[in-house]
C-alpha atoms as a PDB file:
ATOM      1  CA  MET A   1     104.575 103.862 117.947  1.00  0.00           C
ATOM      2  CA  LYS A   2     103.603 102.075 114.664  1.00  0.00           C
ATOM      3  CA  LYS A   3     106.254 102.319 111.671  1.00  0.00           C
ATOM      4  CA  ILE A   4     104.897 102.044 108.370  1.00  0.00           C
ATOM      5  CA  LEU A   5     107.539 101.302 105.236  1.00  0.00           C
ATOM      6  CA  ILE A   6     106.392 102.726 102.233  1.00  0.00           C
ATOM      7  CA  LEU A   7     108.181 100.829  99.540  1.00  0.00           C
ATOM      8  CA  SER A   8     107.487 101.905  95.942  1.00  0.00           C
ATOM      9  CA  ALA A   9     109.158 100.878  92.437  1.00  0.00           C
ATOM     10  CA  ASN A  10     108.520 102.199  89.090  1.00  0.00           C
ATOM     11  CA  PRO A  11     110.929 100.800  86.607  1.00  0.00           C
ATOM     12  CA  VAL A  12     112.208 102.446  83.635  1.00  0.00           C
ATOM     13  CA  ASN A  13     110.313  99.850  81.452  1.00  0.00           C
ATOM     14  CA  THR A  14     107.152  99.887  82.896  1.00  0.00           C
ATOM     15  CA  SER A  15     104.486 102.208  82.469  1.00  0.00           C
ATOM     16  CA  LYS A  16     104.366 105.604  84.628  1.00  0.00           C
ATOM     17  CA  LEU A  17     102.693 105.634  88.077  1.00  0.00           C
ATOM     18  CA  ARG A  18     101.680 108.551  90.403  1.00  0.00           C
ATOM     19  CA  LEU A  19     103.694 107.205  93.216  1.00  0.00           C
ATOM     20  CA  ASP A  20     104.797 110.468  94.336  1.00  0.00           C
ATOM     21  CA  GLU A  21     101.276 111.818  95.145  1.00  0.00           C
ATOM     22  CA  GLU A  22     100.373 108.525  96.570  1.00  0.00           C
ATOM     23  CA  VAL A  23     103.060 108.790  99.219  1.00  0.00           C
ATOM     24  CA  ARG A  24     101.928 112.462  99.662  1.00  0.00           C
ATOM     25  CA  GLU A  25      98.576 111.504 100.175  1.00  0.00           C
ATOM     26  CA  ILE A  26      99.154 108.658 102.997  1.00  0.00           C
ATOM     27  CA  GLN A  27     101.735 111.543 104.876  1.00  0.00           C
ATOM     28  CA  SER A  28      98.895 114.138 104.610  1.00  0.00           C
ATOM     29  CA  ALA A  29      96.509 111.503 106.183  1.00  0.00           C
ATOM     30  CA  LEU A  30      99.050 110.876 109.083  1.00  0.00           C
ATOM     31  CA  GLU A  31      99.983 114.246 109.694  1.00  0.00           C
ATOM     32  CA  ARG A  32      96.585 115.795 110.358  1.00  0.00           C
ATOM     33  CA  SER A  33      95.485 112.605 112.358  1.00  0.00           C
ATOM     34  CA  ARG A  34      94.872 112.846 116.449  1.00  0.00           C
ATOM     35  CA  HIS A  35      97.064 109.533 116.626  1.00  0.00           C
ATOM     36  CA  ARG A  36      99.864 111.236 114.500  1.00  0.00           C
ATOM     37  CA  GLU A  37     102.402 111.207 117.425  1.00  0.00           C
ATOM     38  CA  GLU A  38     102.321 107.081 117.272  1.00  0.00           C
ATOM     39  CA  PHE A  39     103.070 107.017 113.332  1.00  0.00           C
ATOM     40  CA  GLU A  40     106.266 107.080 111.906  1.00  0.00           C
ATOM     41  CA  LEU A  41     106.744 106.960 108.164  1.00  0.00           C
ATOM     42  CA  ILE A  42     109.484 105.499 106.618  1.00  0.00           C
ATOM     43  CA  PRO A  43     109.330 106.035 102.511  1.00  0.00           C
ATOM     44  CA  ARG A  44     111.872 104.275 100.425  1.00  0.00           C
ATOM     45  CA  LEU A  45     112.137 104.915  96.774  1.00  0.00           C
ATOM     46  CA  ALA A  46     113.249 102.766  93.573  1.00  0.00           C
ATOM     47  CA  VAL A  47     113.201  99.961  95.605  1.00  0.00           C
ATOM     48  CA  ARG A  48     115.866  97.138  94.243  1.00  0.00           C
ATOM     49  CA  ILE A  49     115.827  93.742  96.137  1.00  0.00           C
ATOM     50  CA  ASP A  50     118.532  94.458  98.542  1.00  0.00           C
ATOM     51  CA  ASP A  51     116.698  97.843  99.874  1.00  0.00           C
ATOM     52  CA  LEU A  52     113.931  95.200 100.749  1.00  0.00           C
ATOM     53  CA  ARG A  53     115.587  93.565 102.755  1.00  0.00           C
ATOM     54  CA  ARG A  54     117.404  95.966 104.178  1.00  0.00           C
ATOM     55  CA  ALA A  55     114.662  98.150 104.970  1.00  0.00           C
ATOM     56  CA  LEU A  56     112.588  95.247 106.753  1.00  0.00           C
ATOM     57  CA  LEU A  57     115.536  94.653 108.739  1.00  0.00           C
ATOM     58  CA  ASP A  58     116.900  98.333 109.411  1.00  0.00           C
ATOM     59  CA  HIS A  59     113.190  99.293 110.771  1.00  0.00           C
ATOM     60  CA  SER A  60     111.232  96.469 111.900  1.00  0.00           C
ATOM     61  CA  PRO A  61     107.760  97.974 110.823  1.00  0.00           C
ATOM     62  CA  GLN A  62     104.415  97.314 111.881  1.00  0.00           C
ATOM     63  CA  VAL A  63     103.012  98.020 108.296  1.00  0.00           C
ATOM     64  CA  VAL A  64     104.161  97.477 104.981  1.00  0.00           C
ATOM     65  CA  HIS A  65     103.220  99.235 102.088  1.00  0.00           C
ATOM     66  CA  PHE A  66     104.000  98.625  98.522  1.00  0.00           C
ATOM     67  CA  SER A  67     103.178 100.538  95.735  1.00  0.00           C
ATOM     68  CA  GLY A  68     104.065  99.609  92.164  1.00  0.00           C
ATOM     69  CA  HIS A  69     103.752  96.887  89.455  1.00  0.00           C
ATOM     70  CA  GLY A  70     102.636  93.471  90.116  1.00  0.00           C
ATOM     71  CA  ASP A  71     102.042  90.394  87.997  1.00  0.00           C
ATOM     72  CA  GLU A  72      99.680  87.415  88.814  1.00  0.00           C
ATOM     73  CA  THR A  73     102.130  84.767  88.221  1.00  0.00           C
ATOM     74  CA  ASP A  74     105.599  86.137  88.270  1.00  0.00           C
ATOM     75  CA  GLY A  75     105.197  88.313  91.353  1.00  0.00           C
ATOM     76  CA  ILE A  76     105.970  92.162  91.885  1.00  0.00           C
ATOM     77  CA  ALA A  77     108.382  94.190  89.724  1.00  0.00           C
ATOM     78  CA  LEU A  78     111.127  95.841  92.001  1.00  0.00           C
ATOM     79  CA  GLU A  79     114.256  97.447  90.003  1.00  0.00           C
ATOM     80  CA  ASP A  80     117.632  96.357  89.339  1.00  0.00           C
ATOM     81  CA  ASN A  81     120.647  98.096  89.057  1.00  0.00           C
ATOM     82  CA  SER A  82     120.124  99.893  85.979  1.00  0.00           C
ATOM     83  CA  GLY A  83     116.359 100.701  87.151  1.00  0.00           C
ATOM     84  CA  HIS A  84     114.837  98.181  84.867  1.00  0.00           C
ATOM     85  CA  ALA A  85     111.931  95.609  86.076  1.00  0.00           C
ATOM     86  CA  GLN A  86     113.260  92.727  88.563  1.00  0.00           C
ATOM     87  CA  LEU A  87     110.039  90.746  89.402  1.00  0.00           C
ATOM     88  CA  VAL A  88     110.042  89.015  93.119  1.00  0.00           C
ATOM     89  CA  SER A  89     108.520  85.749  92.971  1.00  0.00           C
ATOM     90  CA  THR A  90     105.458  84.643  94.883  1.00  0.00           C
ATOM     91  CA  GLU A  91     106.985  82.175  96.921  1.00  0.00           C
ATOM     92  CA  SER A  92     110.307  84.288  97.715  1.00  0.00           C
ATOM     93  CA  LEU A  93     108.415  87.294  98.656  1.00  0.00           C
ATOM     94  CA  SER A  94     106.286  85.128 101.524  1.00  0.00           C
ATOM     95  CA  ASN A  95     109.190  83.551 102.639  1.00  0.00           C
ATOM     96  CA  LEU A  96     110.918  86.594 103.296  1.00  0.00           C
ATOM     97  CA  PHE A  97     107.886  87.975 105.142  1.00  0.00           C
ATOM     98  CA  LYS A  98     107.890  84.673 107.170  1.00  0.00           C
ATOM     99  CA  LEU A  99     111.635  85.736 108.692  1.00  0.00           C
ATOM    100  CA  PHE A 100     109.454  88.908 109.905  1.00  0.00           C
ATOM    101  CA  LYS A 101     106.281  87.527 111.138  1.00  0.00           C
ATOM    102  CA  ASP A 102     107.262  88.392 114.705  1.00  0.00           C
ATOM    103  CA  THR A 103     107.126  92.139 113.943  1.00  0.00           C
ATOM    104  CA  VAL A 104     104.947  92.960 110.165  1.00  0.00           C
ATOM    105  CA  GLU A 105     101.134  93.498 111.236  1.00  0.00           C
ATOM    106  CA  CYS A 106      99.848  94.188 107.896  1.00  0.00           C
ATOM    107  CA  VAL A 107     101.025  94.149 104.261  1.00  0.00           C
ATOM    108  CA  LEU A 108      99.151  96.347 101.673  1.00  0.00           C
ATOM    109  CA  LEU A 109     100.316  95.336  98.208  1.00  0.00           C
ATOM    110  CA  ASN A 110      98.930  98.273  96.172  1.00  0.00           C
ATOM    111  CA  ALA A 111     100.087  96.519  93.039  1.00  0.00           C
ATOM    112  CA  CYS A 112      98.237  94.904  89.908  1.00  0.00           C
ATOM    113  CA  TYR A 113      97.088  91.378  90.266  1.00  0.00           C
ATOM    114  CA  SER A 114      98.678  91.090  93.774  1.00  0.00           C
ATOM    115  CA  GLU A 115      95.933  88.975  95.261  1.00  0.00           C
ATOM    116  CA  THR A 116      98.041  86.090  94.713  1.00  0.00           C
ATOM    117  CA  GLN A 117     100.688  87.387  96.616  1.00  0.00           C
ATOM    118  CA  ALA A 118      99.225  88.507  99.356  1.00  0.00           C
ATOM    119  CA  GLU A 119      97.466  84.904  99.657  1.00  0.00           C
ATOM    120  CA  ALA A 120     100.966  83.349  99.785  1.00  0.00           C
ATOM    121  CA  ILE A 121     101.885  86.355 102.459  1.00  0.00           C
ATOM    122  CA  TYR A 122      98.854  85.720 104.238  1.00  0.00           C
ATOM    123  CA  GLN A 123     100.769  82.139 105.577  1.00  0.00           C
ATOM    124  CA  HIS A 124     102.802  84.165 107.896  1.00  0.00           C
ATOM    125  CA  ILE A 125     101.351  88.008 108.412  1.00  0.00           C
ATOM    126  CA  ASN A 126      97.640  88.553 110.429  1.00  0.00           C
ATOM    127  CA  CYS A 127      96.679  91.261 107.640  1.00  0.00           C
ATOM    128  CA  VAL A 128      97.288  91.416 103.988  1.00  0.00           C
ATOM    129  CA  ILE A 129      95.731  93.298 101.322  1.00  0.00           C
ATOM    130  CA  GLY A 130      96.233  92.748  97.309  1.00  0.00           C
ATOM    131  CA  MET A 131      94.395  93.532  94.241  1.00  0.00           C
ATOM    132  CA  LYS A 132      92.606  90.800  92.486  1.00  0.00           C
ATOM    133  CA  ARG A 133      93.096  92.632  88.971  1.00  0.00           C
ATOM    134  CA  ALA A 134      94.554  95.656  87.653  1.00  0.00           C
ATOM    135  CA  ILE A 135      93.501  99.143  89.724  1.00  0.00           C
ATOM    136  CA  THR A 136      94.441 102.507  88.155  1.00  0.00           C
ATOM    137  CA  ASP A 137      96.523 104.812  89.648  1.00  0.00           C
ATOM    138  CA  ILE A 138      93.624 106.806  91.046  1.00  0.00           C
ATOM    139  CA  ALA A 139      91.765 104.155  92.347  1.00  0.00           C
ATOM    140  CA  ALA A 140      95.048 102.914  94.347  1.00  0.00           C
ATOM    141  CA  ILE A 141      95.579 106.342  95.551  1.00  0.00           C
ATOM    142  CA  HIS A 142      91.725 106.809  97.042  1.00  0.00           C
ATOM    143  CA  PHE A 143      92.167 103.494  98.789  1.00  0.00           C
ATOM    144  CA  SER A 144      95.510 104.358 100.339  1.00  0.00           C
ATOM    145  CA  LYS A 145      94.128 107.804 101.617  1.00  0.00           C
ATOM    146  CA  ALA A 146      91.141 106.611 103.312  1.00  0.00           C
ATOM    147  CA  PHE A 147      93.278 103.775 104.497  1.00  0.00           C
ATOM    148  CA  TYR A 148      95.863 105.683 106.270  1.00  0.00           C
ATOM    149  CA  ASP A 149      92.858 108.275 107.642  1.00  0.00           C
ATOM    150  CA  THR A 150      91.504 105.633 109.288  1.00  0.00           C
ATOM    151  CA  LEU A 151      94.505 103.672 110.924  1.00  0.00           C
ATOM    152  CA  GLY A 152      95.568 107.490 112.054  1.00  0.00           C
ATOM    153  CA  ALA A 153      91.869 107.387 113.863  1.00  0.00           C
ATOM    154  CA  GLY A 154      93.198 104.593 115.600  1.00  0.00           C
ATOM    155  CA  ARG A 155      90.504 101.849 113.929  1.00  0.00           C
ATOM    156  CA  SER A 156      91.677  98.397 113.196  1.00  0.00           C
ATOM    157  CA  TYR A 157      93.212  97.181 109.434  1.00  0.00           C
ATOM    158  CA  GLU A 158      89.698  95.592 108.763  1.00  0.00           C
ATOM    159  CA  GLU A 159      88.362  98.876 109.228  1.00  0.00           C
ATOM    160  CA  ALA A 160      90.650 100.569 107.436  1.00  0.00           C
ATOM    161  CA  PHE A 161      90.241  98.385 104.503  1.00  0.00           C
ATOM    162  CA  ASP A 162      86.698  98.676 104.469  1.00  0.00           C
ATOM    163  CA  PHE A 163      87.078 102.454 104.216  1.00  0.00           C
ATOM    164  CA  GLY A 164      89.341 102.499 101.436  1.00  0.00           C
ATOM    165  CA  CYS A 165      86.790 100.469  99.457  1.00  0.00           C
ATOM    166  CA  ASN A 166      84.324 102.733 100.033  1.00  0.00           C
ATOM    167  CA  ASN A 167      86.430 105.803  99.199  1.00  0.00           C
ATOM    168  CA  ILE A 168      86.889 104.290  96.016  1.00  0.00           C
ATOM    169  CA  ASP A 169      83.174 104.398  95.584  1.00  0.00           C
ATOM    170  CA  LEU A 170      82.339 107.754  96.990  1.00  0.00           C
ATOM    171  CA  ASN A 171      84.613 108.998  94.444  1.00  0.00           C
ATOM    172  CA  SER A 172      82.344 107.132  91.609  1.00  0.00           C
ATOM    173  CA  ILE A 173      85.300 104.738  90.591  1.00  0.00           C
ATOM    174  CA  PRO A 174      84.131 101.109  89.265  1.00  0.00           C
ATOM    175  CA  GLU A 175      86.861  99.614  91.443  1.00  0.00           C
ATOM    176  CA  SER A 176      85.779  99.144  94.571  1.00  0.00           C
ATOM    177  CA  LEU A 177      85.925  95.280  94.412  1.00  0.00           C
ATOM    178  CA  THR A 178      89.232  95.240  93.269  1.00  0.00           C
ATOM    179  CA  PRO A 179      91.255  95.521  96.579  1.00  0.00           C
ATOM    180  CA  LYS A 180      91.003  91.952  98.792  1.00  0.00           C
ATOM    181  CA  SER A 181      91.962  91.303 102.343  1.00  0.00           C
ATOM    182  CA  ARG A 182      92.743  88.526 104.131  1.00  0.00           C
ATOM    183  CA  ILE A 183      92.703  89.255 108.276  1.00  0.00           C
ATOM    184  CA  ARG A 184      92.696  87.370 111.364  1.00  0.00           C
ATOM    185  CA  ASN A 185      91.901  88.834 114.632  1.00  0.00           C
ATOM    186  CA  LYS A 186      89.265  91.079 112.925  1.00  0.00           C
ATOM    187  CA  SER A 187      87.825  92.855 116.192  1.00  0.00           C
ATOM    188  CA  LYS A 188      91.862  93.817 117.373  1.00  0.00           C
ATOM    189  CA  THR A 189      91.959  97.716 117.615  1.00  0.00           C
ATOM    190  CA  LEU A 190      95.241  99.242 115.954  1.00  0.00           C
ATOM    191  CA  PHE A 191      96.694 100.404 119.824  1.00  0.00           C
ATOM    192  CA  SER A 192      96.547  98.210 122.810  1.00  0.00           C
ATOM    193  CA  ASN A 193      96.062 100.281 125.733  1.00  0.00           C
ATOM    194  CA  LYS A 194      99.418 100.265 127.131  1.00  0.00           C
ATOM    195  CA  GLU A 195     100.784 101.737 123.704  1.00  0.00           C
ATOM    196  CA  GLN A 196      98.060 104.399 123.775  1.00  0.00           C
ATOM    197  CA  LYS A 197      98.654 105.305 127.311  1.00  0.00           C
ATOM    198  CA  LEU A 198      95.555 107.103 127.507  1.00  0.00           C
ATOM    199  CA  ASP A 199      93.209 107.416 130.492  1.00  0.00           C
ATOM    200  CA  MET A 200      89.407 108.246 130.856  1.00  0.00           C
ATOM    201  CA  THR A 201      89.990 111.713 132.048  1.00  0.00           C
ATOM    202  CA  GLY A 202      91.988 112.310 128.647  1.00  0.00           C
ATOM    203  CA  ASN A 203      95.402 112.130 130.327  1.00  0.00           C
ATOM    204  CA  ARG A 204      98.546 110.219 128.732  1.00  0.00           C
ATOM    205  CA  ASN A 205     101.931 109.799 129.314  1.00  0.00           C
ATOM    206  CA  ILE A 206     104.531 109.547 126.119  1.00  0.00           C
ATOM    207  CA  HIS A 207     108.310 108.504 126.768  1.00  0.00           C
ATOM    208  CA  ILE A 208     110.557 110.962 124.889  1.00  0.00           C
ATOM    209  CA  GLY A 209     114.260 109.617 125.265  1.00  0.00           C
ATOM    210  CA  SER A 210     115.219 109.784 129.228  1.00  0.00           C
ATOM    211  CA  GLY A 211     112.593 112.341 129.924  1.00  0.00           C
ATOM    212  CA  ASN A 212     108.700 112.006 130.397  1.00  0.00           C
ATOM    213  CA  TYR A 213     105.954 114.012 128.617  1.00  0.00           C
ATOM    214  CA  ASN A 214     102.261 114.541 130.435  1.00  0.00           C
ATOM    215  CA  GLU A 215      99.247 116.166 128.838  1.00  0.00           C
ATOM    216  CA  ARG A 216      95.891 116.559 129.431  1.00  0.00           C
ATOM    217  CA  ILE A 217      93.575 117.301 127.070  1.00  0.00           C
ATOM    218  CA  GLU A 218      90.613 119.761 127.030  1.00  0.00           C
ATOM    219  CA  GLY A 219      88.816 120.148 124.097  1.00  0.00           C
ATOM    220  CA  ASP A 220      91.041 121.029 121.339  1.00  0.00           C
ATOM    221  CA  TYR A 221      93.636 122.696 123.540  1.00  0.00           C
ATOM    222  CA  ILE A 222      96.430 120.350 125.131  1.00  0.00           C
ATOM    223  CA  GLN A 223      98.432 121.046 128.208  1.00  0.00           C
ATOM    224  CA  GLY A 224     101.510 119.217 128.665  1.00  0.00           C
ATOM    225  CA  ASN A 225     104.564 119.513 131.098  1.00  0.00           C
ATOM    226  CA  TYR A 226     108.284 118.169 129.935  1.00  0.00           C
ATOM    227  CA  TYR A 227     110.127 116.932 133.143  1.00  0.00           C
ATOM    228  CA  ALA A 228     113.973 116.931 132.324  1.00  0.00           C
ATOM    229  CA  ALA A 229     113.505 120.309 131.134  1.00  0.00           C
ATOM    230  CA  SER A 230     117.002 120.850 130.215  1.00  0.00           C
ATOM    231  CA  LYS A 231     116.802 118.365 127.527  1.00  0.00           C
ATOM    232  CA  GLN A 232     113.811 118.976 126.131  1.00  0.00           C
ATOM    233  CA  GLN A 233     114.916 122.727 126.170  1.00  0.00           C
ATOM    234  CA  ASN A 234     118.157 121.602 124.209  1.00  0.00           C
ATOM    235  CA  LEU A 235     115.635 119.389 121.305  1.00  0.00           C
ATOM    236  CA  ALA A 236     113.622 122.225 121.071  1.00  0.00           C
ATOM    237  CA  GLU A 237     116.714 124.298 119.717  1.00  0.00           C
ATOM    238  CA  ALA A 238     117.653 121.849 117.645  1.00  0.00           C
ATOM    239  CA  ALA A 239     114.437 121.628 115.781  1.00  0.00           C
ATOM    240  CA  ALA A 240     114.443 125.253 115.430  1.00  0.00           C
ATOM    241  CA  GLU A 241     118.003 125.370 113.986  1.00  0.00           C
ATOM    242  CA  ILE A 242     116.739 122.480 111.462  1.00  0.00           C
ATOM    243  CA  GLN A 243     113.051 124.118 110.710  1.00  0.00           C
ATOM    244  CA  LYS A 244     115.582 127.184 109.664  1.00  0.00           C
ATOM    245  CA  LEU A 245     117.365 125.151 107.319  1.00  0.00           C
ATOM    246  CA  LEU A 246     114.721 123.614 106.085  1.00  0.00           C
ATOM    247  CA  GLU A 247     112.702 126.735 105.430  1.00  0.00           C
ATOM    248  CA  GLN A 248     116.067 128.360 103.553  1.00  0.00           C
ATOM    249  CA  LEU A 249     116.290 124.864 101.419  1.00  0.00           C
ATOM    250  CA  ASP A 250     112.834 126.185 100.263  1.00  0.00           C
ATOM    251  CA  GLN A 251     114.179 128.637  98.085  1.00  0.00           C
ATOM    252  CA  SER A 252     116.088 126.110  95.737  1.00  0.00           C
ATOM    253  CA  TYR A 253     114.235 123.006  96.042  1.00  0.00           C
ATOM    254  CA  SER A 254     110.528 122.295  95.546  1.00  0.00           C
ATOM    255  CA  THR A 255     108.766 119.999  98.070  1.00  0.00           C
ATOM    256  CA  ASP A 256     105.879 119.149  95.549  1.00  0.00           C
ATOM    257  CA  THR A 257     107.394 116.026  94.896  1.00  0.00           C
ATOM    258  CA  THR A 258     108.871 113.033  96.970  1.00  0.00           C
ATOM    259  CA  LEU A 259     112.025 113.741  94.888  1.00  0.00           C
ATOM    260  CA  GLY A 260     112.268 117.491  96.160  1.00  0.00           C
ATOM    261  CA  LYS A 261     111.803 116.367  99.798  1.00  0.00           C
ATOM    262  CA  MET A 262     114.355 113.426  99.756  1.00  0.00           C
ATOM    263  CA  GLN A 263     116.954 116.440  97.993  1.00  0.00           C
ATOM    264  CA  VAL A 264     115.891 118.631 101.040  1.00  0.00           C
ATOM    265  CA  ALA A 265     116.757 115.807 103.689  1.00  0.00           C
ATOM    266  CA  ALA A 266     119.986 115.442 101.624  1.00  0.00           C
ATOM    267  CA  GLU A 267     120.893 118.870 101.954  1.00  0.00           C
ATOM    268  CA  THR A 268     119.351 119.279 105.358  1.00  0.00           C
ATOM    269  CA  ILE A 269     121.836 116.317 106.382  1.00  0.00           C
ATOM    270  CA  LYS A 270     124.917 117.849 104.469  1.00  0.00           C
ATOM    271  CA  ALA A 271     124.179 121.709 106.168  1.00  0.00           C
ATOM    272  CA  ILE A 272     125.013 119.668 109.482  1.00  0.00           C
ATOM    273  CA  GLU A 273     127.993 118.105 108.612  1.00  0.00           C
ATOM    274  CA  ASN A 274     129.419 120.667 107.000  1.00  0.00           C
ATOM    275  CA  ASN A 275     128.956 122.906 110.341  1.00  0.00           C
ATOM    276  CA  PRO A 276     130.782 121.179 113.044  1.00  0.00           C
ATOM    277  CA  ILE A 277     129.339 122.855 115.947  1.00  0.00           C
ATOM    278  CA  ARG A 278     125.767 122.422 114.516  1.00  0.00           C
ATOM    279  CA  ALA A 279     126.343 118.789 113.972  1.00  0.00           C
ATOM    280  CA  GLU A 280     127.503 118.720 117.649  1.00  0.00           C
ATOM    281  CA  ARG A 281     124.827 120.764 118.823  1.00  0.00           C
ATOM    282  CA  ILE A 282     121.917 118.325 117.282  1.00  0.00           C
ATOM    283  CA  THR A 283     123.949 115.040 117.759  1.00  0.00           C
ATOM    284  CA  SER A 284     123.649 116.006 121.867  1.00  0.00           C
ATOM    285  CA  ALA A 285     119.932 117.100 121.490  1.00  0.00           C
ATOM    286  CA  LEU A 286     118.966 113.750 119.615  1.00  0.00           C
ATOM    287  CA  LYS A 287     121.029 111.555 122.162  1.00  0.00           C
ATOM    288  CA  ALA A 288     119.010 113.238 125.126  1.00  0.00           C
ATOM    289  CA  GLY A 289     115.487 113.247 123.432  1.00  0.00           C
ATOM    290  CA  GLY A 290     115.596 111.025 120.531  1.00  0.00           C
ATOM    291  CA  VAL A 291     114.806 111.669 116.515  1.00  0.00           C
ATOM    292  CA  GLN A 292     111.037 111.019 117.102  1.00  0.00           C
ATOM    293  CA  ALA A 293     110.609 113.614 119.664  1.00  0.00           C
ATOM    294  CA  LEU A 294     111.925 115.731 117.373  1.00  0.00           C
ATOM    295  CA  ALA A 295     109.792 115.141 114.791  1.00  0.00           C
ATOM    296  CA  GLN A 296     107.273 116.037 116.566  1.00  0.00           C
ATOM    297  CA  LEU A 297     108.663 119.543 116.708  1.00  0.00           C
ATOM    298  CA  LEU A 298     108.926 119.992 112.888  1.00  0.00           C
ATOM    299  CA  ASN A 299     106.447 121.306 110.888  1.00  0.00           C
ATOM    300  CA  HIS A 300     107.609 121.027 107.302  1.00  0.00           C
ATOM    301  CA  PRO A 301     106.432 118.752 104.118  1.00  0.00           C
ATOM    302  CA  ALA A 302     109.663 117.104 103.691  1.00  0.00           C
ATOM    303  CA  ALA A 303     110.040 116.458 107.752  1.00  0.00           C
ATOM    304  CA  SER A 304     109.615 112.476 107.431  1.00  0.00           C
ATOM    305  CA  PHE A 305     112.340 112.240 105.142  1.00  0.00           C
ATOM    306  CA  VAL A 306     114.688 114.478 107.142  1.00  0.00           C
ATOM    307  CA  ILE A 307     113.598 112.451 110.233  1.00  0.00           C
ATOM    308  CA  GLY A 308     114.584 108.951 108.261  1.00  0.00           C
ATOM    309  CA  ALA A 309     117.982 110.917 106.964  1.00  0.00           C
ATOM    310  CA  LEU A 310     118.746 112.065 110.484  1.00  0.00           C
ATOM    311  CA  GLU A 311     118.286 108.267 111.659  1.00  0.00           C
ATOM    312  CA  ASP A 312     120.535 106.999 109.546  1.00  0.00           C
ATOM    313  CA  TRP A 313     123.003 110.136 110.138  1.00  0.00           C
ATOM    314  CA  GLN A 314     122.828 108.595 113.546  1.00  0.00           C
ATOM    315  CA  LYS A 315     124.085 105.153 112.509  1.00  0.00           C
ATOM    316  CA  THR A 316     126.635 105.996 110.306  1.00  0.00           C
ATOM    317  CA  LYS A 317     127.912 108.095 113.169  1.00  0.00           C
ATOM    318  CA  SER A 318     127.730 105.486 116.131  1.00  0.00           C
ATOM    319  CA  SER A 319     129.219 103.036 113.265  1.00  0.00           C
END
């Protein structure tokens, strides 16, 4: 499982960026990919200094993606408590990633003039991508779309970078030379054989909680059998219950924006907490099958946000 932490910040005293659209495109790229079960997308908006550290500690991501504003000499812009820009220096950012060098595989700084920060982080992280100069919103979004399309296909970080630059070109945007990468182990594929657990006959095993799942892929059709069937049944029922909640919330909240998806996620948790029987049922199912197994059963634009909220809810209940 590759965890992708999306950090975005658009302070009120900076120019408006289309960060919602970028997150949506990344989510769409991963959801449609054939390796979608191998990824967990964790979006965090309006990021402050403490949020950055806590998100890295809480989730131990393999990929860290920052979207926002950058300055060649002063660093990247996060938000302070009032929503205004708070710059994070190149040195302090590099030192932070030094503390996560054993878990983070790739850092993508999708922000103007972030090549300097990328170079500094490269001392500790094997794959780092930054922007040599200012980059337009549309170019940044097209780069991200192709980058995550390629990761979703199981290709390497180097190939993902190349496809990202090519997609800027394909869309007739004269900024394909703006992204710059520094990558070690360039020939390394994204997933090891152990992680994929995929054999030459098309069989693969996925561990879900305390049960196992075995599936055979025949063309576009997937046949599968769950062991620990009763636990999986409980998980399926919990997923159906959450799916129903999401469909009800669709009538009150738009899921066209990241804010709307976050509101749906918050209301979903509230609806679970306000019904003790439902809360106990879903808690038991999650303990048996795991949050990520549940994620595979949900079909909704806000699914990844709900999964993130459920993870935080579980931590709160266990603490």
